[in-house]
Amino acid sequence: MSVPDHLSERGFTLIELMVALAVFSIAALALLRLEGTTLASTATLADRTIGQIVAHNLAVEALTDPVAPSFGDTKGQEENAGRVWQWTRRSIRATQLNLQQIDIAVVDDQGQPAGALTVYRPMP
C-alpha cells in the first residue's frame, strides 16, 4: 500500500531549524558589529574633517595677515562646530629659499590629532 502524497511531505527537522537559526544569528551579529564599526569611523572622520577646517582657517589667517607670524612656536585654541580645538603653529625659515614655512597641527578636545597643514609665505 502506498502513502498518499500529502502525508509523505514532511517539514524541516529540528536539527535543520537549529542550523538555519545559528547561521542567521551569526550573520545578524556580523552586521551589528559592522554597524558599530561604521558609526565609530564616521565620528572619527567628522572630527578630522572639522580639524582640517580649523587648520585651513589658521593657515588663511597666517597667509593673509599683513604682518608675518613670528618665528617659533605659538599655541592657541579655536572654537568650531561647538567644540574647542587646540592648535600649535610652528614658523621657521625655509632652507635656501626666501620663504617662511608655517606648520599647523590641530588636536581635538581629547588630545587626538585632528588636522595638520604646512603652508609657505614669502619673506618680507
PDB file of N, CA and C in Angstrom:
ATOM      1  N   MET A   1       0.834  -1.165   0.000  1.00  0.00           N
ATOM      2  CA  MET A   1       0.000   0.000   0.000  1.00  0.00           C
ATOM      3  C   MET A   1       0.893   1.247   0.000  1.00  0.00           C
ATOM      4  N   SER A   2       0.545   2.223  -0.784  1.00  0.00           N
ATOM      5  CA  SER A   2       1.360   3.424  -0.887  1.00  0.00           C
ATOM      6  C   SER A   2       0.810   4.527   0.006  1.00  0.00           C
ATOM      7  N   VAL A   3       1.702   5.408   0.427  1.00  0.00           N
ATOM      8  CA  VAL A   3       1.332   6.529   1.294  1.00  0.00           C
ATOM      9  C   VAL A   3       0.880   7.671   0.406  1.00  0.00           C
ATOM     10  N   PRO A   4      -0.209   8.316   0.733  1.00  0.00           N
ATOM     11  CA  PRO A   4      -0.660   9.463  -0.064  1.00  0.00           C
ATOM     12  C   PRO A   4       0.412  10.560  -0.080  1.00  0.00           C
ATOM     13  N   ASP A   5       0.463  11.343  -1.181  1.00  0.00           N
ATOM     14  CA  ASP A   5       1.485  12.381  -1.358  1.00  0.00           C
ATOM     15  C   ASP A   5       1.467  13.409  -0.231  1.00  0.00           C
ATOM     16  N   HIS A   6       0.304  13.814   0.219  1.00  0.00           N
ATOM     17  CA  HIS A   6       0.264  14.849   1.247  1.00  0.00           C
ATOM     18  C   HIS A   6       0.772  14.345   2.596  1.00  0.00           C
ATOM     19  N   LEU A   7       0.808  13.067   2.828  1.00  0.00           N
ATOM     20  CA  LEU A   7       1.336  12.533   4.072  1.00  0.00           C
ATOM     21  C   LEU A   7       2.837  12.293   4.004  1.00  0.00           C
ATOM     22  N   SER A   8       3.390  12.102   2.783  1.00  0.00           N
ATOM     23  CA  SER A   8       4.824  11.837   2.656  1.00  0.00           C
ATOM     24  C   SER A   8       5.648  13.119   2.705  1.00  0.00           C
ATOM     25  N   GLU A   9       5.002  14.270   2.510  1.00  0.00           N
ATOM     26  CA  GLU A   9       5.726  15.528   2.586  1.00  0.00           C
ATOM     27  C   GLU A   9       5.920  15.882   4.049  1.00  0.00           C
ATOM     28  N   ARG A  10       7.154  16.131   4.383  1.00  0.00           N
ATOM     29  CA  ARG A  10       7.452  16.460   5.767  1.00  0.00           C
ATOM     30  C   ARG A  10       8.159  17.803   5.810  1.00  0.00           C
ATOM     31  N   GLY A  11       8.084  18.483   6.903  1.00  0.00           N
ATOM     32  CA  GLY A  11       8.744  19.777   7.077  1.00  0.00           C
ATOM     33  C   GLY A  11      10.192  19.593   7.471  1.00  0.00           C
ATOM     34  N   PHE A  12      10.783  20.674   7.925  1.00  0.00           N
ATOM     35  CA  PHE A  12      12.164  20.630   8.383  1.00  0.00           C
ATOM     36  C   PHE A  12      12.259  19.887   9.707  1.00  0.00           C
ATOM     37  N   THR A  13      13.378  19.252   9.898  1.00  0.00           N
ATOM     38  CA  THR A  13      13.613  18.613  11.194  1.00  0.00           C
ATOM     39  C   THR A  13      14.091  19.663  12.188  1.00  0.00           C
ATOM     40  N   LEU A  14      14.075  19.298  13.429  1.00  0.00           N
ATOM     41  CA  LEU A  14      14.512  20.227  14.468  1.00  0.00           C
ATOM     42  C   LEU A  14      15.981  20.607  14.265  1.00  0.00           C
ATOM     43  N   ILE A  15      16.803  19.667  13.871  1.00  0.00           N
ATOM     44  CA  ILE A  15      18.236  19.939  13.653  1.00  0.00           C
ATOM     45  C   ILE A  15      18.413  20.937  12.507  1.00  0.00           C
ATOM     46  N   GLU A  16      17.657  20.769  11.436  1.00  0.00           N
ATOM     47  CA  GLU A  16      17.754  21.696  10.305  1.00  0.00           C
ATOM     48  C   GLU A  16      17.344  23.109  10.722  1.00  0.00           C
ATOM     49  N   LEU A  17      16.314  23.225  11.527  1.00  0.00           N
ATOM     50  CA  LEU A  17      15.895  24.536  12.014  1.00  0.00           C
ATOM     51  C   LEU A  17      16.953  25.163  12.916  1.00  0.00           C
ATOM     52  N   MET A  18      17.582  24.353  13.758  1.00  0.00           N
ATOM     53  CA  MET A  18      18.626  24.868  14.645  1.00  0.00           C
ATOM     54  C   MET A  18      19.835  25.368  13.846  1.00  0.00           C
ATOM     55  N   VAL A  19      20.219  24.625  12.815  1.00  0.00           N
ATOM     56  CA  VAL A  19      21.349  25.040  11.979  1.00  0.00           C
ATOM     57  C   VAL A  19      21.006  26.343  11.247  1.00  0.00           C
ATOM     58  N   ALA A  20      19.802  26.428  10.695  1.00  0.00           N
ATOM     59  CA  ALA A  20      19.385  27.646   9.998  1.00  0.00           C
ATOM     60  C   ALA A  20      19.365  28.837  10.949  1.00  0.00           C
ATOM     61  N   LEU A  21      18.891  28.643  12.160  1.00  0.00           N
ATOM     62  CA  LEU A  21      18.859  29.714  13.147  1.00  0.00           C
ATOM     63  C   LEU A  21      20.275  30.138  13.534  1.00  0.00           C
ATOM     64  N   ALA A  22      21.191  29.200  13.669  1.00  0.00           N
ATOM     65  CA  ALA A  22      22.575  29.523  14.008  1.00  0.00           C
ATOM     66  C   ALA A  22      23.236  30.337  12.891  1.00  0.00           C
ATOM     67  N   VAL A  23      23.010  29.942  11.641  1.00  0.00           N
ATOM     68  CA  VAL A  23      23.586  30.684  10.506  1.00  0.00           C
ATOM     69  C   VAL A  23      23.023  32.097  10.476  1.00  0.00           C
ATOM     70  N   PHE A  24      21.726  32.237  10.659  1.00  0.00           N
ATOM     71  CA  PHE A  24      21.103  33.556  10.668  1.00  0.00           C
ATOM     72  C   PHE A  24      21.646  34.414  11.815  1.00  0.00           C
ATOM     73  N   SER A  25      21.833  33.822  12.981  1.00  0.00           N
ATOM     74  CA  SER A  25      22.341  34.563  14.147  1.00  0.00           C
ATOM     75  C   SER A  25      23.755  35.065  13.900  1.00  0.00           C
ATOM     76  N   ILE A  26      24.595  34.244  13.310  1.00  0.00           N
ATOM     77  CA  ILE A  26      25.975  34.662  13.015  1.00  0.00           C
ATOM     78  C   ILE A  26      25.977  35.821  12.025  1.00  0.00           C
ATOM     79  N   ALA A  27      25.136  35.733  10.994  1.00  0.00           N
ATOM     80  CA  ALA A  27      25.050  36.819  10.009  1.00  0.00           C
ATOM     81  C   ALA A  27      24.542  38.106  10.663  1.00  0.00           C
ATOM     82  N   ALA A  28      23.539  38.005  11.532  1.00  0.00           N
ATOM     83  CA  ALA A  28      22.991  39.189  12.200  1.00  0.00           C
ATOM     84  C   ALA A  28      24.030  39.829  13.116  1.00  0.00           C
ATOM     85  N   LEU A  29      24.793  39.026  13.852  1.00  0.00           N
ATOM     86  CA  LEU A  29      25.833  39.564  14.728  1.00  0.00           C
ATOM     87  C   LEU A  29      26.928  40.250  13.923  1.00  0.00           C
ATOM     88  N   ALA A  30      27.296  39.685  12.788  1.00  0.00           N
ATOM     89  CA  ALA A  30      28.304  40.312  11.932  1.00  0.00           C
ATOM     90  C   ALA A  30      27.816  41.667  11.425  1.00  0.00           C
ATOM     91  N   LEU A  31      26.554  41.769  11.047  1.00  0.00           N
ATOM     92  CA  LEU A  31      26.008  43.043  10.578  1.00  0.00           C
ATOM     93  C   LEU A  31      25.962  44.076  11.698  1.00  0.00           C
ATOM     94  N   LEU A  32      25.620  43.664  12.913  1.00  0.00           N
ATOM     95  CA  LEU A  32      25.610  44.591  14.037  1.00  0.00           C
ATOM     96  C   LEU A  32      27.013  45.107  14.347  1.00  0.00           C
ATOM     97  N   ARG A  33      27.989  44.228  14.294  1.00  0.00           N
ATOM     98  CA  ARG A  33      29.371  44.641  14.536  1.00  0.00           C
ATOM     99  C   ARG A  33      29.848  45.598  13.453  1.00  0.00           C
ATOM    100  N   LEU A  34      29.475  45.330  12.208  1.00  0.00           N
ATOM    101  CA  LEU A  34      29.837  46.209  11.101  1.00  0.00           C
ATOM    102  C   LEU A  34      29.218  47.592  11.297  1.00  0.00           C
ATOM    103  N   GLU A  35      27.982  47.641  11.767  1.00  0.00           N
ATOM    104  CA  GLU A  35      27.322  48.927  12.000  1.00  0.00           C
ATOM    105  C   GLU A  35      28.055  49.725  13.080  1.00  0.00           C
ATOM    106  N   GLY A  36      28.466  49.067  14.154  1.00  0.00           N
ATOM    107  CA  GLY A  36      29.203  49.751  15.213  1.00  0.00           C
ATOM    108  C   GLY A  36      30.523  50.315  14.717  1.00  0.00           C
ATOM    109  N   THR A  37      31.234  49.543  13.912  1.00  0.00           N
ATOM    110  CA  THR A  37      32.497  49.999  13.346  1.00  0.00           C
ATOM    111  C   THR A  37      32.268  51.179  12.412  1.00  0.00           C
ATOM    112  N   THR A  38      31.220  51.109  11.623  1.00  0.00           N
ATOM    113  CA  THR A  38      30.904  52.191  10.697  1.00  0.00           C
ATOM    114  C   THR A  38      30.587  53.477  11.447  1.00  0.00           C
ATOM    115  N   LEU A  39      29.822  53.385  12.524  1.00  0.00           N
ATOM    116  CA  LEU A  39      29.496  54.574  13.309  1.00  0.00           C
ATOM    117  C   LEU A  39      30.744  55.189  13.938  1.00  0.00           C
ATOM    118  N   ALA A  40      31.630  54.367  14.449  1.00  0.00           N
ATOM    119  CA  ALA A  40      32.868  54.880  15.046  1.00  0.00           C
ATOM    120  C   ALA A  40      33.743  55.542  13.985  1.00  0.00           C
ATOM    121  N   SER A  41      33.833  54.938  12.808  1.00  0.00           N
ATOM    122  CA  SER A  41      34.628  55.517  11.725  1.00  0.00           C
ATOM    123  C   SER A  41      34.040  56.837  11.260  1.00  0.00           C
ATOM    124  N   THR A  42      32.725  56.922  11.216  1.00  0.00           N
ATOM    125  CA  THR A  42      32.068  58.156  10.794  1.00  0.00           C
ATOM    126  C   THR A  42      32.358  59.280  11.782  1.00  0.00           C
ATOM    127  N   ALA A  43      32.327  58.989  13.064  1.00  0.00           N
ATOM    128  CA  ALA A  43      32.627  60.006  14.077  1.00  0.00           C
ATOM    129  C   ALA A  43      34.075  60.471  13.961  1.00  0.00           C
ATOM    130  N   THR A  44      35.005  59.551  13.754  1.00  0.00           N
ATOM    131  CA  THR A  44      36.412  59.902  13.587  1.00  0.00           C
ATOM    132  C   THR A  44      36.616  60.760  12.354  1.00  0.00           C
ATOM    133  N   LEU A  45      35.960  60.387  11.265  1.00  0.00           N
ATOM    134  CA  LEU A  45      36.073  61.152  10.026  1.00  0.00           C
ATOM    135  C   LEU A  45      35.511  62.558  10.199  1.00  0.00           C
ATOM    136  N   ALA A  46      34.407  62.694  10.913  1.00  0.00           N
ATOM    137  CA  ALA A  46      33.826  64.015  11.161  1.00  0.00           C
ATOM    138  C   ALA A  46      34.790  64.873  11.980  1.00  0.00           C
ATOM    139  N   ASP A  47      35.412  64.291  13.002  1.00  0.00           N
ATOM    140  CA  ASP A  47      36.387  65.031  13.813  1.00  0.00           C
ATOM    141  C   ASP A  47      37.559  65.502  12.968  1.00  0.00           C
ATOM    142  N   ARG A  48      38.076  64.635  12.136  1.00  0.00           N
ATOM    143  CA  ARG A  48      39.227  65.002  11.300  1.00  0.00           C
ATOM    144  C   ARG A  48      38.860  66.052  10.257  1.00  0.00           C
ATOM    145  N   THR A  49      37.649  65.976   9.742  1.00  0.00           N
ATOM    146  CA  THR A  49      37.213  66.976   8.771  1.00  0.00           C
ATOM    147  C   THR A  49      37.148  68.354   9.416  1.00  0.00           C
ATOM    148  N   ILE A  50      36.562  68.439  10.588  1.00  0.00           N
ATOM    149  CA  ILE A  50      36.473  69.732  11.276  1.00  0.00           C
ATOM    150  C   ILE A  50      37.866  70.194  11.699  1.00  0.00           C
ATOM    151  N   GLY A  51      38.712  69.272  12.130  1.00  0.00           N
ATOM    152  CA  GLY A  51      40.096  69.623  12.470  1.00  0.00           C
ATOM    153  C   GLY A  51      40.845  70.202  11.285  1.00  0.00           C
ATOM    154  N   GLN A  52      40.639  69.631  10.101  1.00  0.00           N
ATOM    155  CA  GLN A  52      41.270  70.168   8.894  1.00  0.00           C
ATOM    156  C   GLN A  52      40.721  71.555   8.560  1.00  0.00           C
ATOM    157  N   ILE A  53      39.431  71.763   8.787  1.00  0.00           N
ATOM    158  CA  ILE A  53      38.844  73.091   8.546  1.00  0.00           C
ATOM    159  C   ILE A  53      39.495  74.118   9.475  1.00  0.00           C
ATOM    160  N   VAL A  54      39.685  73.754  10.737  1.00  0.00           N
ATOM    161  CA  VAL A  54      40.347  74.648  11.684  1.00  0.00           C
ATOM    162  C   VAL A  54      41.767  74.953  11.204  1.00  0.00           C
ATOM    163  N   ALA A  55      42.502  73.929  10.753  1.00  0.00           N
ATOM    164  CA  ALA A  55      43.873  74.131  10.264  1.00  0.00           C
ATOM    165  C   ALA A  55      43.876  75.046   9.042  1.00  0.00           C
ATOM    166  N   HIS A  56      42.940  74.851   8.128  1.00  0.00           N
ATOM    167  CA  HIS A  56      42.870  75.711   6.940  1.00  0.00           C
ATOM    168  C   HIS A  56      42.549  77.151   7.320  1.00  0.00           C
ATOM    169  N   ASN A  57      41.630  77.345   8.270  1.00  0.00           N
ATOM    170  CA  ASN A  57      41.303  78.705   8.715  1.00  0.00           C
ATOM    171  C   ASN A  57      42.529  79.402   9.300  1.00  0.00           C
ATOM    172  N   LEU A  58      43.299  78.672  10.116  1.00  0.00           N
ATOM    173  CA  LEU A  58      44.505  79.248  10.699  1.00  0.00           C
ATOM    174  C   LEU A  58      45.539  79.562   9.619  1.00  0.00           C
ATOM    175  N   ALA A  59      45.640  78.709   8.612  1.00  0.00           N
ATOM    176  CA  ALA A  59      46.585  78.948   7.522  1.00  0.00           C
ATOM    177  C   ALA A  59      46.195  80.195   6.731  1.00  0.00           C
ATOM    178  N   VAL A  60      44.920  80.348   6.466  1.00  0.00           N
ATOM    179  CA  VAL A  60      44.458  81.539   5.737  1.00  0.00           C
ATOM    180  C   VAL A  60      44.769  82.797   6.547  1.00  0.00           C
ATOM    181  N   GLU A  61      44.541  82.749   7.850  1.00  0.00           N
ATOM    182  CA  GLU A  61      44.876  83.902   8.697  1.00  0.00           C
ATOM    183  C   GLU A  61      46.366  84.216   8.632  1.00  0.00           C
ATOM    184  N   ALA A  62      47.214  83.190   8.686  1.00  0.00           N
ATOM    185  CA  ALA A  62      48.660  83.402   8.660  1.00  0.00           C
ATOM    186  C   ALA A  62      49.129  83.938   7.312  1.00  0.00           C
ATOM    187  N   LEU A  63      48.489  83.514   6.233  1.00  0.00           N
ATOM    188  CA  LEU A  63      48.910  83.948   4.902  1.00  0.00           C
ATOM    189  C   LEU A  63      48.383  85.328   4.526  1.00  0.00           C
ATOM    190  N   THR A  64      47.241  85.709   5.048  1.00  0.00           N
ATOM    191  CA  THR A  64      46.634  86.981   4.650  1.00  0.00           C
ATOM    192  C   THR A  64      46.908  88.110   5.627  1.00  0.00           C
ATOM    193  N   ASP A  65      47.435  87.814   6.797  1.00  0.00           N
ATOM    194  CA  ASP A  65      47.758  88.867   7.766  1.00  0.00           C
ATOM    195  C   ASP A  65      48.893  89.719   7.194  1.00  0.00           C
ATOM    196  N   PRO A  66      48.761  91.049   7.234  1.00  0.00           N
ATOM    197  CA  PRO A  66      49.827  91.901   6.696  1.00  0.00           C
ATOM    198  C   PRO A  66      51.165  91.690   7.411  1.00  0.00           C
ATOM    199  N   VAL A  67      51.124  91.301   8.678  1.00  0.00           N
ATOM    200  CA  VAL A  67      52.348  91.040   9.439  1.00  0.00           C
ATOM    201  C   VAL A  67      52.558  89.531   9.507  1.00  0.00           C
ATOM    202  N   ALA A  68      53.727  89.077   9.056  1.00  0.00           N
ATOM    203  CA  ALA A  68      54.023  87.643   9.066  1.00  0.00           C
ATOM    204  C   ALA A  68      54.094  87.137  10.500  1.00  0.00           C
ATOM    205  N   PRO A  69      53.710  85.886  10.732  1.00  0.00           N
ATOM    206  CA  PRO A  69      53.824  85.320  12.082  1.00  0.00           C
ATOM    207  C   PRO A  69      55.288  85.308  12.524  1.00  0.00           C
ATOM    208  N   SER A  70      55.517  85.515  13.800  1.00  0.00           N
ATOM    209  CA  SER A  70      56.886  85.492  14.309  1.00  0.00           C
ATOM    210  C   SER A  70      57.413  84.059  14.274  1.00  0.00           C
ATOM    211  N   PHE A  71      58.729  83.937  14.171  1.00  0.00           N
ATOM    212  CA  PHE A  71      59.348  82.617  14.149  1.00  0.00           C
ATOM    213  C   PHE A  71      59.216  81.962  15.515  1.00  0.00           C
ATOM    214  N   GLY A  72      59.081  80.647  15.514  1.00  0.00           N
ATOM    215  CA  GLY A  72      58.951  79.898  16.752  1.00  0.00           C
ATOM    216  C   GLY A  72      57.588  79.231  16.843  1.00  0.00           C
ATOM    217  N   ASP A  73      57.285  78.755  18.036  1.00  0.00           N
ATOM    218  CA  ASP A  73      56.027  78.036  18.274  1.00  0.00           C
ATOM    219  C   ASP A  73      54.999  78.943  18.926  1.00  0.00           C
ATOM    220  N   THR A  74      53.772  78.801  18.498  1.00  0.00           N
ATOM    221  CA  THR A  74      52.642  79.509  19.088  1.00  0.00           C
ATOM    222  C   THR A  74      51.538  78.499  19.307  1.00  0.00           C
ATOM    223  N   LYS A  75      50.868  78.612  20.447  1.00  0.00           N
ATOM    224  CA  LYS A  75      49.758  77.708  20.755  1.00  0.00           C
ATOM    225  C   LYS A  75      48.512  78.529  20.998  1.00  0.00           C
ATOM    226  N   GLY A  76      47.372  77.897  20.755  1.00  0.00           N
ATOM    227  CA  GLY A  76      46.113  78.582  20.993  1.00  0.00           C
ATOM    228  C   GLY A  76      44.958  77.615  20.883  1.00  0.00           C
ATOM    229  N   GLN A  77      43.765  78.181  20.886  1.00  0.00           N
ATOM    230  CA  GLN A  77      42.580  77.358  20.722  1.00  0.00           C
ATOM    231  C   GLN A  77      41.557  78.111  19.899  1.00  0.00           C
ATOM    232  N   GLU A  78      40.758  77.359  19.173  1.00  0.00           N
ATOM    233  CA  GLU A  78      39.691  77.896  18.339  1.00  0.00           C
ATOM    234  C   GLU A  78      38.420  77.128  18.655  1.00  0.00           C
ATOM    235  N   GLU A  79      37.300  77.802  18.519  1.00  0.00           N
ATOM    236  CA  GLU A  79      36.019  77.117  18.671  1.00  0.00           C
ATOM    237  C   GLU A  79      35.413  76.950  17.283  1.00  0.00           C
ATOM    238  N   ASN A  80      35.023  75.723  16.987  1.00  0.00           N
ATOM    239  CA  ASN A  80      34.399  75.420  15.707  1.00  0.00           C
ATOM    240  C   ASN A  80      33.480  74.226  15.917  1.00  0.00           C
ATOM    241  N   ALA A  81      32.315  74.276  15.330  1.00  0.00           N
ATOM    242  CA  ALA A  81      31.319  73.201  15.431  1.00  0.00           C
ATOM    243  C   ALA A  81      30.945  72.916  16.884  1.00  0.00           C
ATOM    244  N   GLY A  82      30.936  73.961  17.702  1.00  0.00           N
ATOM    245  CA  GLY A  82      30.537  73.798  19.095  1.00  0.00           C
ATOM    246  C   GLY A  82      31.568  73.121  19.972  1.00  0.00           C
ATOM    247  N   ARG A  83      32.793  72.983  19.473  1.00  0.00           N
ATOM    248  CA  ARG A  83      33.860  72.335  20.241  1.00  0.00           C
ATOM    249  C   ARG A  83      35.086  73.227  20.258  1.00  0.00           C
ATOM    250  N   VAL A  84      35.956  72.986  21.220  1.00  0.00           N
ATOM    251  CA  VAL A  84      37.203  73.740  21.327  1.00  0.00           C
ATOM    252  C   VAL A  84      38.332  72.869  20.785  1.00  0.00           C
ATOM    253  N   TRP A  85      39.113  73.433  19.880  1.00  0.00           N
ATOM    254  CA  TRP A  85      40.222  72.726  19.229  1.00  0.00           C
ATOM    255  C   TRP A  85      41.526  73.409  19.633  1.00  0.00           C
ATOM    256  N   GLN A  86      42.488  72.630  20.084  1.00  0.00           N
ATOM    257  CA  GLN A  86      43.806  73.149  20.438  1.00  0.00           C
ATOM    258  C   GLN A  86      44.680  73.108  19.186  1.00  0.00           C
ATOM    259  N   TRP A  87      45.485  74.152  18.987  1.00  0.00           N
ATOM    260  CA  TRP A  87      46.361  74.165  17.826  1.00  0.00           C
ATOM    261  C   TRP A  87      47.755  74.634  18.203  1.00  0.00           C
ATOM    262  N   THR A  88      48.713  74.206  17.393  1.00  0.00           N
ATOM    263  CA  THR A  88      50.104  74.629  17.528  1.00  0.00           C
ATOM    264  C   THR A  88      50.569  75.086  16.152  1.00  0.00           C
ATOM    265  N   ARG A  89      51.204  76.244  16.123  1.00  0.00           N
ATOM    266  CA  ARG A  89      51.751  76.765  14.866  1.00  0.00           C
ATOM    267  C   ARG A  89      53.252  76.956  15.041  1.00  0.00           C
ATOM    268  N   ARG A  90      54.026  76.346  14.162  1.00  0.00           N
ATOM    269  CA  ARG A  90      55.487  76.487  14.176  1.00  0.00           C
ATOM    270  C   ARG A  90      55.882  77.238  12.909  1.00  0.00           C
ATOM    271  N   SER A  91      56.627  78.300  13.094  1.00  0.00           N
ATOM    272  CA  SER A  91      57.055  79.114  11.967  1.00  0.00           C
ATOM    273  C   SER A  91      58.581  79.105  11.909  1.00  0.00           C
ATOM    274  N   ILE A  92      59.119  78.667  10.767  1.00  0.00           N
ATOM    275  CA  ILE A  92      60.575  78.603  10.583  1.00  0.00           C
ATOM    276  C   ILE A  92      60.929  79.153   9.205  1.00  0.00           C
ATOM    277  N   ARG A  93      62.213  79.473   9.036  1.00  0.00           N
ATOM    278  CA  ARG A  93      62.697  79.919   7.724  1.00  0.00           C
ATOM    279  C   ARG A  93      62.965  78.669   6.882  1.00  0.00           C
ATOM    280  N   ALA A  94      62.361  78.637   5.695  1.00  0.00           N
ATOM    281  CA  ALA A  94      62.598  77.507   4.792  1.00  0.00           C
ATOM    282  C   ALA A  94      64.036  77.586   4.298  1.00  0.00           C
ATOM    283  N   THR A  95      64.741  76.470   4.316  1.00  0.00           N
ATOM    284  CA  THR A  95      66.155  76.457   3.957  1.00  0.00           C
ATOM    285  C   THR A  95      66.355  76.824   2.498  1.00  0.00           C
ATOM    286  N   GLN A  96      67.329  77.680   2.251  1.00  0.00           N
ATOM    287  CA  GLN A  96      67.772  78.115   0.928  1.00  0.00           C
ATOM    288  C   GLN A  96      66.666  78.765   0.093  1.00  0.00           C
ATOM    289  N   LEU A  97      65.604  79.145   0.702  1.00  0.00           N
ATOM    290  CA  LEU A  97      64.533  79.845  -0.006  1.00  0.00           C
ATOM    291  C   LEU A  97      64.182  81.092   0.784  1.00  0.00           C
ATOM    292  N   ASN A  98      63.641  82.042   0.109  1.00  0.00           N
ATOM    293  CA  ASN A  98      63.208  83.253   0.794  1.00  0.00           C
ATOM    294  C   ASN A  98      61.748  83.090   1.210  1.00  0.00           C
ATOM    295  N   LEU A  99      61.469  81.985   1.921  1.00  0.00           N
ATOM    296  CA  LEU A  99      60.110  81.665   2.353  1.00  0.00           C
ATOM    297  C   LEU A  99      60.067  81.374   3.842  1.00  0.00           C
ATOM    298  N   GLN A 100      58.914  81.622   4.410  1.00  0.00           N
ATOM    299  CA  GLN A 100      58.651  81.263   5.791  1.00  0.00           C
ATOM    300  C   GLN A 100      57.739  80.033   5.774  1.00  0.00           C
ATOM    301  N   GLN A 101      58.182  78.952   6.409  1.00  0.00           N
ATOM    302  CA  GLN A 101      57.381  77.731   6.485  1.00  0.00           C
ATOM    303  C   GLN A 101      56.539  77.784   7.751  1.00  0.00           C
ATOM    304  N   ILE A 102      55.229  77.556   7.585  1.00  0.00           N
ATOM    305  CA  ILE A 102      54.310  77.596   8.721  1.00  0.00           C
ATOM    306  C   ILE A 102      53.634  76.233   8.833  1.00  0.00           C
ATOM    307  N   ASP A 103      53.944  75.500   9.907  1.00  0.00           N
ATOM    308  CA  ASP A 103      53.348  74.189  10.170  1.00  0.00           C
ATOM    309  C   ASP A 103      52.248  74.358  11.209  1.00  0.00           C
ATOM    310  N   ILE A 104      51.073  73.831  10.909  1.00  0.00           N
ATOM    311  CA  ILE A 104      49.930  73.937  11.822  1.00  0.00           C
ATOM    312  C   ILE A 104      49.460  72.535  12.169  1.00  0.00           C
ATOM    313  N   ALA A 105      49.283  72.277  13.461  1.00  0.00           N
ATOM    314  CA  ALA A 105      48.763  70.994  13.935  1.00  0.00           C
ATOM    315  C   ALA A 105      47.568  71.270  14.846  1.00  0.00           C
ATOM    316  N   VAL A 106      46.499  70.510  14.656  1.00  0.00           N
ATOM    317  CA  VAL A 106      45.271  70.691  15.437  1.00  0.00           C
ATOM    318  C   VAL A 106      44.950  69.376  16.136  1.00  0.00           C
ATOM    319  N   VAL A 107      44.568  69.473  17.422  1.00  0.00           N
ATOM    320  CA  VAL A 107      44.131  68.293  18.177  1.00  0.00           C
ATOM    321  C   VAL A 107      42.731  68.568  18.721  1.00  0.00           C
ATOM    322  N   ASP A 108      41.966  67.494  18.891  1.00  0.00           N
ATOM    323  CA  ASP A 108      40.598  67.652  19.404  1.00  0.00           C
ATOM    324  C   ASP A 108      40.618  67.788  20.922  1.00  0.00           C
ATOM    325  N   ASP A 109      39.437  67.858  21.503  1.00  0.00           N
ATOM    326  CA  ASP A 109      39.335  68.063  22.949  1.00  0.00           C
ATOM    327  C   ASP A 109      39.810  66.865  23.764  1.00  0.00           C
ATOM    328  N   GLN A 110      40.070  65.741  23.119  1.00  0.00           N
ATOM    329  CA  GLN A 110      40.601  64.565  23.808  1.00  0.00           C
ATOM    330  C   GLN A 110      42.089  64.376  23.544  1.00  0.00           C
ATOM    331  N   GLY A 111      42.697  65.339  22.849  1.00  0.00           N
ATOM    332  CA  GLY A 111      44.128  65.285  22.568  1.00  0.00           C
ATOM    333  C   GLY A 111      44.503  64.440  21.364  1.00  0.00           C
ATOM    334  N   GLN A 112      43.522  64.015  20.582  1.00  0.00           N
ATOM    335  CA  GLN A 112      43.793  63.206  19.397  1.00  0.00           C
ATOM    336  C   GLN A 112      44.085  64.104  18.196  1.00  0.00           C
ATOM    337  N   PRO A 113      45.100  63.778  17.386  1.00  0.00           N
ATOM    338  CA  PRO A 113      45.382  64.590  16.197  1.00  0.00           C
ATOM    339  C   PRO A 113      44.150  64.658  15.289  1.00  0.00           C
ATOM    340  N   ALA A 114      43.825  65.874  14.855  1.00  0.00           N
ATOM    341  CA  ALA A 114      42.630  66.049  14.037  1.00  0.00           C
ATOM    342  C   ALA A 114      42.917  66.755  12.722  1.00  0.00           C
ATOM    343  N   GLY A 115      44.070  67.386  12.585  1.00  0.00           N
ATOM    344  CA  GLY A 115      44.385  68.065  11.343  1.00  0.00           C
ATOM    345  C   GLY A 115      45.809  68.584  11.361  1.00  0.00           C
ATOM    346  N   ALA A 116      46.391  68.670  10.191  1.00  0.00           N
ATOM    347  CA  ALA A 116      47.745  69.209  10.061  1.00  0.00           C
ATOM    348  C   ALA A 116      47.892  69.821   8.674  1.00  0.00           C
ATOM    349  N   LEU A 117      48.695  70.857   8.616  1.00  0.00           N
ATOM    350  CA  LEU A 117      48.845  71.573   7.352  1.00  0.00           C
ATOM    351  C   LEU A 117      50.164  72.335   7.367  1.00  0.00           C
ATOM    352  N   THR A 118      50.818  72.404   6.226  1.00  0.00           N
ATOM    353  CA  THR A 118      52.032  73.202   6.074  1.00  0.00           C
ATOM    354  C   THR A 118      51.814  74.170   4.917  1.00  0.00           C
ATOM    355  N   VAL A 119      52.099  75.446   5.160  1.00  0.00           N
ATOM    356  CA  VAL A 119      51.979  76.456   4.117  1.00  0.00           C
ATOM    357  C   VAL A 119      53.289  77.271   4.098  1.00  0.00           C
ATOM    358  N   TYR A 120      53.501  77.978   3.007  1.00  0.00           N
ATOM    359  CA  TYR A 120      54.707  78.804   2.857  1.00  0.00           C
ATOM    360  C   TYR A 120      54.272  80.234   2.539  1.00  0.00           C
ATOM    361  N   ARG A 121      55.000  81.160   3.139  1.00  0.00           N
ATOM    362  CA  ARG A 121      54.707  82.576   2.938  1.00  0.00           C
ATOM    363  C   ARG A 121      56.014  83.264   2.533  1.00  0.00           C
ATOM    364  N   PRO A 122      55.936  84.167   1.547  1.00  0.00           N
ATOM    365  CA  PRO A 122      57.166  84.895   1.164  1.00  0.00           C
ATOM    366  C   PRO A 122      57.688  85.728   2.329  1.00  0.00           C
ATOM    367  N   MET A 123      59.009  85.769   2.448  1.00  0.00           N
ATOM    368  CA  MET A 123      59.629  86.591   3.492  1.00  0.00           C
ATOM    369  C   MET A 123      59.556  88.055   3.050  1.00  0.00           C
ATOM    370  N   PRO A 124      59.327  88.965   4.005  1.00  0.00           N
ATOM    371  CA  PRO A 124      59.259  90.390   3.647  1.00  0.00           C
ATOM    372  C   PRO A 124      60.610  90.935   3.260  1.00  0.00           C
TER     373      PRO A 124
END
